[in-house]
């Protein structure tokens, strides 16, 4: 089956207005669609953020100028070298990430994945690695745009129930105290991979299925008076309590960096069915879009990254590990779940640039590999007959550095584009311009917008 139905299948359900959901894009499969097809498909859905598990250059290139934010990752095996010194972190950033900015909207770097509960980890090096990467971002004026964080499993907690008395595992408290301080100081979120499915699978006789599936109306009570209608909220608040138990007045945003339900499992994996997966992920998406908090944090919206986009047929472990995807490798849906979006489209014209939704803030930048002779002609035109005020590109001014043709042309092209009403044809420039929904501003250099 062609990957083309991948896009068409998403448009079979009623449209509704949503603010966007994140999804995990794993690639441990030998039958997955091309990255560009995936990027095009997601532009027509409510998915406006992806999280990947490396810095795959083909993915980063495919998602350039799509309006979809990307979280990249430092593999666990690379944390040790990055923790050694800032120069090692700078080398990693330069070789893995910098080339794709600003066309690809990279909003965070996840340092490792569940690193602290990996049996081969060295907990003491995690925060130094994160600090080194943050220093690299500060030096480049990118620390407001790109945050540094790390995803955890629920195993970092000594216990998760009752949520109000949860604490981190005793051996992790020193590194967690340092980590939470770093996140609070830099405005980065605390990421948790939370799976009610695993709790249900391991003890189905004691855990109510509807509670695990985010739908127990009667609820479960916490000794401090909180009532939980679903396990995910209880897991979020358990993390909230653990961070507060570290002391001080520092608070951090909590993000669900992974959560999902498998559609298939081994005979010993209770509850792994397409029906349960559909129920859980539908409710998870609705919860992520609902702007509601949790019993302990009712006003604190929790961002959600669904796990996962695809079934990955090369993952090891139980059968469920290969069946968390909403889509099969051929692009067909594993089960029906509504990813439709009333304001999304693959083209700028149809997205309604001034609609107040995803297209409300747009900029024009030069294509990453645009011909330099054409770019020079475009720059000369914009700063001359085009009427753009290019004083910010003069030496010692805010946008002079980096003193590169691509950067200067991007600034001038955007200024021209904004001056002339942000029509898509005003960002053509002989095929060298692209509209982006990611603010290309950096440091003190601010790209104008209407």
Protein backbone atom coordinates (compact mmCIF):
# COMPACT_ATOMS: atom_id res chain seq x y z
CA UNK A 1 0.00 0.00 0.00
CA UNK A 2 1.27 3.46 -0.88
CA UNK A 3 2.05 5.99 1.85
CA UNK A 4 -0.35 8.41 0.10
CA UNK A 5 -3.44 7.12 1.99
CA UNK A 6 -1.57 8.14 5.13
CA UNK A 7 -2.73 11.73 4.53
CA UNK A 8 -6.19 10.94 3.19
CA UNK A 9 -7.20 8.70 6.08
CA UNK A 10 -6.89 11.58 8.53
CA UNK A 11 -9.66 13.57 6.89
CA UNK A 12 -12.49 11.07 7.33
CA UNK A 13 -13.76 12.41 10.65
CA UNK A 14 -15.56 15.68 11.55
CA UNK A 15 -13.40 18.79 11.92
CA UNK A 16 -13.04 20.49 15.27
CA UNK A 17 -10.95 23.35 16.63
CA UNK A 18 -7.99 22.27 18.76
CA UNK A 19 -4.77 23.83 19.90
CA UNK A 20 -2.42 21.03 18.99
CA UNK A 21 -0.93 17.87 20.44
CA UNK A 22 2.58 16.40 20.45
CA UNK A 23 3.50 12.92 19.28
CA UNK A 24 6.55 10.68 19.53
CA UNK A 25 8.05 9.78 16.17
CA UNK A 26 10.12 6.63 16.59
CA UNK A 27 11.83 5.03 13.61
CA UNK A 28 12.70 1.47 14.68
CA UNK A 29 10.90 -0.07 11.73
CA UNK A 30 11.85 -1.26 8.25
CA UNK A 31 8.51 -0.40 6.64
CA UNK A 32 7.92 3.24 7.57
CA UNK A 33 6.95 6.02 5.10
CA UNK A 34 9.53 8.58 3.93
CA UNK A 35 10.09 11.37 6.45
CA UNK A 36 8.88 14.03 4.01
CA UNK A 37 5.57 12.21 3.58
CA UNK A 38 5.20 12.08 7.34
CA UNK A 39 5.86 15.82 7.66
CA UNK A 40 3.33 16.62 4.94
CA UNK A 41 0.73 14.41 6.58
CA UNK A 42 1.13 15.95 10.03
CA UNK A 43 0.55 19.44 8.64
CA UNK A 44 -3.04 18.38 8.02
CA UNK A 45 -3.63 17.20 11.59
CA UNK A 46 -3.82 18.57 15.12
CA UNK A 47 -0.26 17.36 15.71
CA UNK A 48 1.91 20.47 15.97
CA UNK A 49 4.91 19.04 17.83
CA UNK A 50 7.01 15.91 17.41
CA UNK A 51 9.60 14.36 19.68
CA UNK A 52 12.33 12.21 18.18
CA UNK A 53 15.01 10.11 19.85
CA UNK A 54 18.11 11.46 18.12
CA UNK A 55 18.98 14.21 15.66
CA UNK A 56 18.19 12.30 12.47
CA UNK A 57 19.19 14.81 9.75
CA UNK A 58 16.62 13.49 7.28
CA UNK A 59 13.81 14.11 9.77
CA UNK A 60 15.10 17.58 10.65
CA UNK A 61 15.31 18.47 6.97
CA UNK A 62 11.84 17.05 6.26
CA UNK A 63 10.24 19.14 9.01
CA UNK A 64 11.83 22.43 7.97
CA UNK A 65 9.33 25.22 7.29
CA UNK A 66 6.35 23.07 8.27
CA UNK A 67 5.19 25.00 11.35
CA UNK A 68 5.68 21.84 13.41
CA UNK A 69 7.93 22.11 16.46
CA UNK A 70 10.59 19.46 17.02
CA UNK A 71 12.22 18.10 20.19
CA UNK A 72 15.54 16.42 19.45
CA UNK A 73 17.54 14.18 21.74
CA UNK A 74 21.03 13.40 22.93
CA UNK A 75 21.34 9.61 22.94
CA UNK A 76 22.17 8.10 26.35
CA UNK A 77 25.53 6.97 24.98
CA UNK A 78 26.57 10.58 24.23
CA UNK A 79 25.79 12.11 27.62
CA UNK A 80 29.18 11.29 29.11
CA UNK A 81 31.14 13.17 26.44
CA UNK A 82 28.84 16.20 26.54
CA UNK A 83 29.12 16.38 30.32
CA UNK A 84 32.91 16.63 30.12
CA UNK A 85 33.11 20.28 29.02
CA UNK A 86 31.26 23.00 27.13
CA UNK A 87 33.42 22.57 24.03
CA UNK A 88 32.20 18.98 23.64
CA UNK A 89 28.60 20.17 23.98
CA UNK A 90 29.26 22.91 21.42
CA UNK A 91 30.73 20.38 18.99
CA UNK A 92 27.64 18.17 19.38
CA UNK A 93 25.29 21.11 18.82
CA UNK A 94 27.24 22.41 15.83
CA UNK A 95 27.39 19.05 14.08
CA UNK A 96 23.91 17.81 14.95
CA UNK A 97 21.54 20.79 15.29
CA UNK A 98 22.84 24.22 14.24
CA UNK A 99 22.73 23.54 10.50
CA UNK A 100 18.94 23.12 10.57
CA UNK A 101 18.14 26.40 12.33
CA UNK A 102 16.04 28.44 11.94
CA UNK A 103 14.17 26.62 9.13
CA UNK A 104 13.41 23.68 11.43
CA UNK A 105 11.65 24.80 14.61
CA UNK A 106 13.67 22.98 17.26
CA UNK A 107 12.23 23.92 20.65
CA UNK A 108 13.98 21.57 23.06
CA UNK A 109 16.85 19.15 23.50
CA UNK A 110 16.04 16.04 25.53
CA UNK A 111 19.26 14.87 27.15
CA UNK A 112 18.89 11.11 27.17
CA UNK A 113 15.73 9.08 27.63
CA UNK A 114 14.89 7.64 31.05
CA UNK A 115 18.60 7.96 31.75
CA UNK A 116 18.42 7.95 35.55
CA UNK A 117 16.64 4.59 35.66
CA UNK A 118 18.97 2.99 33.13
CA UNK A 119 21.12 0.37 34.89
CA UNK A 120 24.22 1.55 33.00
CA UNK A 121 23.79 5.25 33.76
CA UNK A 122 26.00 7.56 35.78
CA UNK A 123 23.43 9.86 37.45
CA UNK A 124 25.98 12.45 38.49
CA UNK A 125 26.83 13.42 34.88
CA UNK A 126 23.29 14.18 33.68
CA UNK A 127 22.88 17.71 35.01
CA UNK A 128 26.43 18.79 34.01
CA UNK A 129 25.65 17.67 30.46
CA UNK A 130 22.43 19.69 30.51
CA UNK A 131 24.22 22.75 31.88
CA UNK A 132 26.88 22.53 29.18
CA UNK A 133 24.27 22.41 26.43
CA UNK A 134 22.42 25.33 27.98
CA UNK A 135 25.65 27.33 28.02
CA UNK A 136 26.05 26.64 24.30
CA UNK A 137 22.53 27.95 23.67
CA UNK A 138 23.13 31.06 25.77
CA UNK A 139 26.32 31.83 23.83
CA UNK A 140 24.35 31.63 20.59
CA UNK A 141 21.36 33.62 21.84
CA UNK A 142 19.10 30.56 21.51
CA UNK A 143 18.30 29.80 25.15
CA UNK A 144 14.85 31.44 25.00
CA UNK A 145 13.88 29.43 21.93
CA UNK A 146 15.44 26.04 22.79
CA UNK A 147 15.12 24.51 26.25
CA UNK A 148 17.20 21.69 27.70
CA UNK A 149 15.44 18.94 29.64
CA UNK A 150 15.35 15.14 30.08
CA UNK A 151 12.50 12.59 30.11
CA UNK A 152 12.05 10.25 33.09
CA UNK A 153 10.19 7.02 33.69
CA UNK A 154 7.84 6.74 36.67
CA UNK A 155 10.55 4.57 38.25
CA UNK A 156 12.29 7.73 39.49
CA UNK A 157 9.62 7.80 42.22
CA UNK A 158 9.89 5.78 45.41
CA UNK A 159 6.11 5.31 45.13
CA UNK A 160 3.38 7.00 43.11
CA UNK A 161 0.37 6.52 45.37
CA UNK A 162 -1.05 8.31 47.15
CA UNK A 163 0.01 11.21 44.92
CA UNK A 164 0.07 13.76 47.74
CA UNK A 165 2.88 11.95 49.58
CA UNK A 166 4.99 10.84 46.64
CA UNK A 167 8.76 11.36 46.72
CA UNK A 168 11.69 10.59 44.48
CA UNK A 169 13.69 7.43 45.08
CA UNK A 170 16.12 8.05 47.91
CA UNK A 171 19.24 7.42 45.80
CA UNK A 172 18.07 9.96 43.19
CA UNK A 173 17.18 12.85 45.50
CA UNK A 174 20.56 14.66 45.21
CA UNK A 175 20.55 14.63 41.39
CA UNK A 176 16.81 15.44 41.29
CA UNK A 177 17.33 18.47 43.53
CA UNK A 178 20.03 19.75 41.19
CA UNK A 179 17.93 18.93 38.13
CA UNK A 180 14.78 20.69 39.33
CA UNK A 181 16.85 23.74 40.27
CA UNK A 182 18.30 23.81 36.74
CA UNK A 183 14.86 23.44 35.10
CA UNK A 184 13.38 26.20 37.24
CA UNK A 185 16.30 28.55 36.55
CA UNK A 186 16.12 28.03 32.78
CA UNK A 187 12.33 27.80 32.37
CA UNK A 188 12.50 24.25 31.03
CA UNK A 189 9.84 21.60 31.72
CA UNK A 190 10.05 18.43 33.76
CA UNK A 191 9.33 15.53 31.38
CA UNK A 192 7.72 12.30 32.54
CA UNK A 193 6.90 9.16 30.55
CA UNK A 194 3.66 7.99 32.16
CA UNK A 195 1.91 4.76 31.14
CA UNK A 196 -1.22 3.66 33.04
CA UNK A 197 -1.19 0.67 30.68
CA UNK A 198 1.86 -0.89 32.34
CA UNK A 199 0.33 -0.55 35.80
CA UNK A 200 -2.85 -2.26 34.58
CA UNK A 201 -0.95 -4.96 32.68
CA UNK A 202 1.08 -5.89 35.74
CA UNK A 203 -1.90 -6.07 38.12
CA UNK A 204 -5.21 -6.29 36.21
CA UNK A 205 -7.08 -7.88 39.09
CA UNK A 206 -6.54 -4.86 41.36
CA UNK A 207 -6.59 -1.91 38.94
CA UNK A 208 -9.87 -0.83 37.39
CA UNK A 209 -9.59 -0.80 33.58
CA UNK A 210 -11.65 2.37 33.22
CA UNK A 211 -9.42 4.12 35.74
CA UNK A 212 -6.39 3.20 33.62
CA UNK A 213 -8.25 4.23 30.43
CA UNK A 214 -8.84 7.77 31.77
CA UNK A 215 -12.55 7.27 32.38
CA UNK A 216 -13.50 6.20 35.94
CA UNK A 217 -16.29 8.58 36.94
CA UNK A 218 -16.44 7.36 40.57
CA UNK A 219 -12.77 8.17 41.17
CA UNK A 220 -10.04 7.15 43.60
CA UNK A 221 -9.46 9.17 46.78
CA UNK A 222 -6.20 10.60 48.10
CA UNK A 223 -5.87 11.03 51.90
CA UNK A 224 -5.51 14.81 51.48
CA UNK A 225 -8.94 15.11 49.85
CA UNK A 226 -8.09 14.92 46.16
CA UNK A 227 -10.21 12.67 43.95
CA UNK A 228 -8.74 11.08 40.83
CA UNK A 229 -10.95 9.88 38.00
CA UNK A 230 -7.99 8.50 36.08
CA UNK A 231 -4.54 7.13 36.78
CA UNK A 232 -2.68 9.56 34.51
CA UNK A 233 -3.71 12.57 36.60
CA UNK A 234 -2.61 10.70 39.71
CA UNK A 235 0.78 10.00 38.11
CA UNK A 236 1.20 13.66 37.14
CA UNK A 237 0.40 14.80 40.68
CA UNK A 238 2.75 12.20 42.13
CA UNK A 239 5.56 13.86 40.18
CA UNK A 240 4.29 17.28 41.28
CA UNK A 241 4.45 16.21 44.93
CA UNK A 242 7.92 14.74 44.53
CA UNK A 243 9.31 17.98 43.08
CA UNK A 244 7.74 19.98 45.92
CA UNK A 245 9.12 17.56 48.51
CA UNK A 246 12.62 18.61 47.47
CA UNK A 247 12.00 21.87 49.30
CA UNK A 248 12.13 25.51 48.31
CA UNK A 249 9.60 27.53 46.34
CA UNK A 250 10.74 26.52 42.90
CA UNK A 251 8.05 25.23 40.56
CA UNK A 252 8.47 23.61 37.18
CA UNK A 253 6.05 22.84 34.38
CA UNK A 254 5.30 19.14 33.98
CA UNK A 255 4.97 17.64 30.49
CA UNK A 256 3.82 14.14 29.60
CA UNK A 257 6.65 13.30 27.22
CA UNK A 258 5.26 9.82 26.49
CA UNK A 259 1.93 8.16 27.11
CA UNK A 260 -0.03 5.66 25.07
CA UNK A 261 -1.70 2.26 24.94
CA UNK A 262 -0.77 -0.72 22.73
CA UNK A 263 -3.23 -2.28 20.29
CA UNK A 264 -1.70 -5.75 20.55
CA UNK A 265 0.33 -7.75 23.03
CA UNK A 266 1.40 -11.20 24.11
CA UNK A 267 -1.07 -13.53 25.82
CA UNK A 268 0.26 -12.35 29.20
CA UNK A 269 -0.29 -8.66 28.36
CA UNK A 270 -3.77 -7.90 29.62
CA UNK A 271 -5.71 -5.08 28.00
CA UNK A 272 -3.60 -4.66 24.86
CA UNK A 273 -6.41 -4.41 22.29
CA UNK A 274 -7.33 -2.00 19.46
CA UNK A 275 -10.49 -1.00 21.34
CA UNK A 276 -8.61 -0.05 24.51
CA UNK A 277 -5.89 1.72 22.52
CA UNK A 278 -8.52 3.75 20.67
CA UNK A 279 -10.28 4.65 23.93
CA UNK A 280 -7.10 5.65 25.75
CA UNK A 281 -5.54 7.71 22.98
CA UNK A 282 -8.81 9.45 22.10
CA UNK A 283 -9.23 10.48 25.73
CA UNK A 284 -5.52 11.38 26.00
CA UNK A 285 -5.77 13.72 23.01
CA UNK A 286 -8.94 15.27 24.39
CA UNK A 287 -7.25 15.69 27.77
CA UNK A 288 -4.20 17.34 26.24
CA UNK A 289 -6.43 19.77 24.36
CA UNK A 290 -8.78 20.50 27.25
CA UNK A 291 -6.77 23.20 29.07
CA UNK A 292 -7.56 21.50 32.38
CA UNK A 293 -5.04 20.66 35.05
CA UNK A 294 -5.05 17.99 37.73
CA UNK A 295 -6.62 17.83 41.21
CA UNK A 296 -3.44 19.25 42.76
CA UNK A 297 -2.85 21.76 39.94
CA UNK A 298 -6.28 22.60 38.46
CA UNK A 299 -5.04 25.71 36.63
CA UNK A 300 -1.87 24.17 35.23
CA UNK A 301 -2.40 22.82 31.70
CA UNK A 302 -0.36 19.70 31.02
CA UNK A 303 1.12 19.30 27.57
CA UNK A 304 0.91 15.78 26.11
CA UNK A 305 3.07 13.83 23.65
CA UNK A 306 1.25 10.71 22.51
CA UNK A 307 3.26 7.51 22.13
CA UNK A 308 3.44 6.76 19.28
CA UNK A 309 2.98 7.74 15.66
CA UNK A 310 3.89 4.34 14.16
CA UNK A 311 4.04 0.70 15.08
CA UNK A 312 7.77 -0.09 15.04
CA UNK A 313 8.35 -3.65 13.92
CA UNK A 314 12.05 -3.75 14.86
CA UNK A 315 11.67 -2.91 18.55
CA UNK A 316 12.68 -5.60 21.02
CA UNK A 317 10.76 -6.90 24.01
CA UNK A 318 7.12 -7.82 24.50
CA UNK A 319 4.78 -7.70 21.50
CA UNK A 320 3.20 -4.54 22.94
CA UNK A 321 6.47 -2.66 22.39
CA UNK A 322 5.96 -3.01 18.63
CA UNK A 323 2.29 -2.00 18.73
CA UNK A 324 1.93 1.40 20.37
CA UNK A 325 1.48 3.21 17.06
CA UNK A 326 -1.66 4.94 15.82
CA UNK A 327 -0.50 4.07 12.29
CA UNK A 328 0.90 0.96 10.68
CA UNK A 329 4.09 1.23 8.67
CA UNK A 330 2.14 1.32 5.40
CA UNK A 331 0.28 4.45 6.48
CA UNK A 332 -3.03 2.79 7.35
CA UNK A 333 -4.65 3.47 10.71
CA UNK A 334 -4.40 0.74 13.33
CA UNK A 335 -7.73 2.03 14.70
CA UNK A 336 -9.83 5.14 14.25
CA UNK A 337 -8.75 8.16 16.27
CA UNK A 338 -9.62 11.75 15.41
CA UNK A 339 -6.55 13.76 14.42
CA UNK A 340 -8.45 16.19 12.20
CA UNK A 341 -8.02 19.92 12.52
CA UNK A 342 -10.24 22.77 11.40
CA UNK A 343 -7.38 25.20 10.74
CA UNK A 344 -4.62 22.95 9.39
CA UNK A 345 -3.50 22.32 5.84
CA UNK A 346 -0.37 21.51 3.93
CA UNK A 347 -0.38 24.83 2.07
CA UNK A 348 0.03 28.37 3.32
CA UNK A 349 -2.89 29.67 1.25
CA UNK A 350 -5.35 27.29 2.88
CA UNK A 351 -4.05 27.74 6.39
CA UNK A 352 -5.43 31.24 6.68
CA UNK A 353 -2.36 33.24 7.60
CA UNK A 354 -4.40 35.84 9.47
CA UNK A 355 -6.93 33.45 10.96
CA UNK A 356 -5.65 33.64 14.51
CA UNK A 357 -4.79 29.93 14.58
CA UNK A 358 -1.59 28.21 13.56
CA UNK A 359 -0.98 30.71 10.76
CA UNK A 360 -1.32 33.82 12.91
CA UNK A 361 2.46 34.38 13.17
CA UNK A 362 4.45 33.74 10.02
CA UNK A 363 7.81 34.79 8.69
CA UNK A 364 9.73 34.44 5.44
CA UNK A 365 13.27 33.03 5.37
CA UNK A 366 15.76 31.85 2.77
CA UNK A 367 15.78 28.17 1.90
CA UNK A 368 18.67 26.35 3.59
CA UNK A 369 20.42 25.48 0.31
CA UNK A 370 19.38 28.42 -1.85
CA UNK A 371 21.75 29.56 -4.62
CA UNK A 372 24.03 32.25 -3.20
CA UNK A 373 24.08 34.33 -6.39
CA UNK A 374 20.29 34.55 -6.34
CA UNK A 375 20.32 35.28 -2.59
CA UNK A 376 22.77 38.14 -3.10
CA UNK A 377 20.52 39.61 -5.80
CA UNK A 378 17.50 39.25 -3.50
CA UNK A 379 19.35 40.94 -0.64
CA UNK A 380 20.41 43.82 -2.91
CA UNK A 381 16.85 44.23 -4.17
CA UNK A 382 15.20 44.15 -0.72
CA UNK A 383 17.64 46.65 0.79
CA UNK A 384 17.45 48.86 -2.34
CA UNK A 385 14.47 49.14 -4.64
CA UNK A 386 12.40 46.90 -2.33
CA UNK A 387 12.37 49.61 0.32
CA UNK A 388 13.48 47.49 3.28
CA UNK A 389 15.29 49.28 6.10
CA UNK A 390 18.39 47.12 6.46
CA UNK A 391 20.15 49.14 9.14
CA UNK A 392 20.01 46.13 11.52
CA UNK A 393 22.38 44.32 9.14
CA UNK A 394 25.14 46.91 9.47
CA UNK A 395 28.25 45.97 11.46
CA UNK A 396 27.75 46.20 15.26
CA UNK A 397 23.95 46.25 14.86
CA UNK A 398 21.68 43.51 16.27
CA UNK A 399 21.39 41.32 13.17
CA UNK A 400 24.89 41.71 11.70
CA UNK A 401 26.08 38.46 13.31
CA UNK A 402 26.29 35.87 11.96
CA UNK A 403 27.82 37.79 9.06
CA UNK A 404 26.56 35.28 6.50
CA UNK A 405 24.64 35.84 3.29
CA UNK A 406 21.90 33.36 4.22
CA UNK A 407 21.20 35.09 7.55
CA UNK A 408 21.21 38.62 6.08
CA UNK A 409 19.03 37.58 3.15
CA UNK A 410 16.53 35.91 5.51
CA UNK A 411 16.17 39.10 7.54
CA UNK A 412 15.68 41.27 4.46
CA UNK A 413 13.28 38.83 2.78
CA UNK A 414 11.13 38.67 5.90
CA UNK A 415 11.00 42.44 6.23
CA UNK A 416 9.87 42.74 2.59
CA UNK A 417 7.31 39.97 3.09
CA UNK A 418 5.84 41.67 6.17
CA UNK A 419 5.74 45.08 4.43
CA UNK A 420 3.70 43.72 1.53
CA UNK A 421 0.92 41.99 3.41
CA UNK A 422 2.39 38.52 3.98
CA UNK A 423 1.02 37.14 0.73
CA UNK A 424 2.66 33.84 -0.14
CA UNK A 425 3.87 35.21 -3.48
CA UNK A 426 5.83 37.89 -1.61
CA UNK A 427 8.05 35.13 -0.20
CA UNK A 428 8.98 33.50 -3.48
CA UNK A 429 12.12 35.45 -4.44
CA UNK A 430 12.82 33.30 -7.51
CA UNK A 431 12.22 30.14 -5.54
CA UNK A 432 14.67 30.92 -2.73
CA UNK A 433 12.15 31.87 -0.02
CA UNK A 434 10.01 29.76 2.31
CA UNK A 435 7.28 30.70 4.76
CA UNK A 436 7.90 29.46 8.30
CA UNK A 437 5.68 29.42 11.36
CA UNK A 438 8.69 29.39 13.67
CA UNK A 439 10.06 32.75 14.80
CA UNK A 440 13.59 32.99 13.32
CA UNK A 441 14.58 35.75 15.77
CA UNK A 442 17.67 35.11 17.85
CA UNK A 443 19.38 36.97 20.68
CA UNK A 444 18.85 40.71 20.20
CA UNK A 445 17.99 40.26 16.52
CA UNK A 446 14.20 40.46 16.17
CA UNK A 447 12.56 39.56 12.89
CA UNK A 448 9.62 41.95 12.29
CA UNK A 449 6.08 40.68 11.86
CA UNK A 450 2.70 42.27 11.37
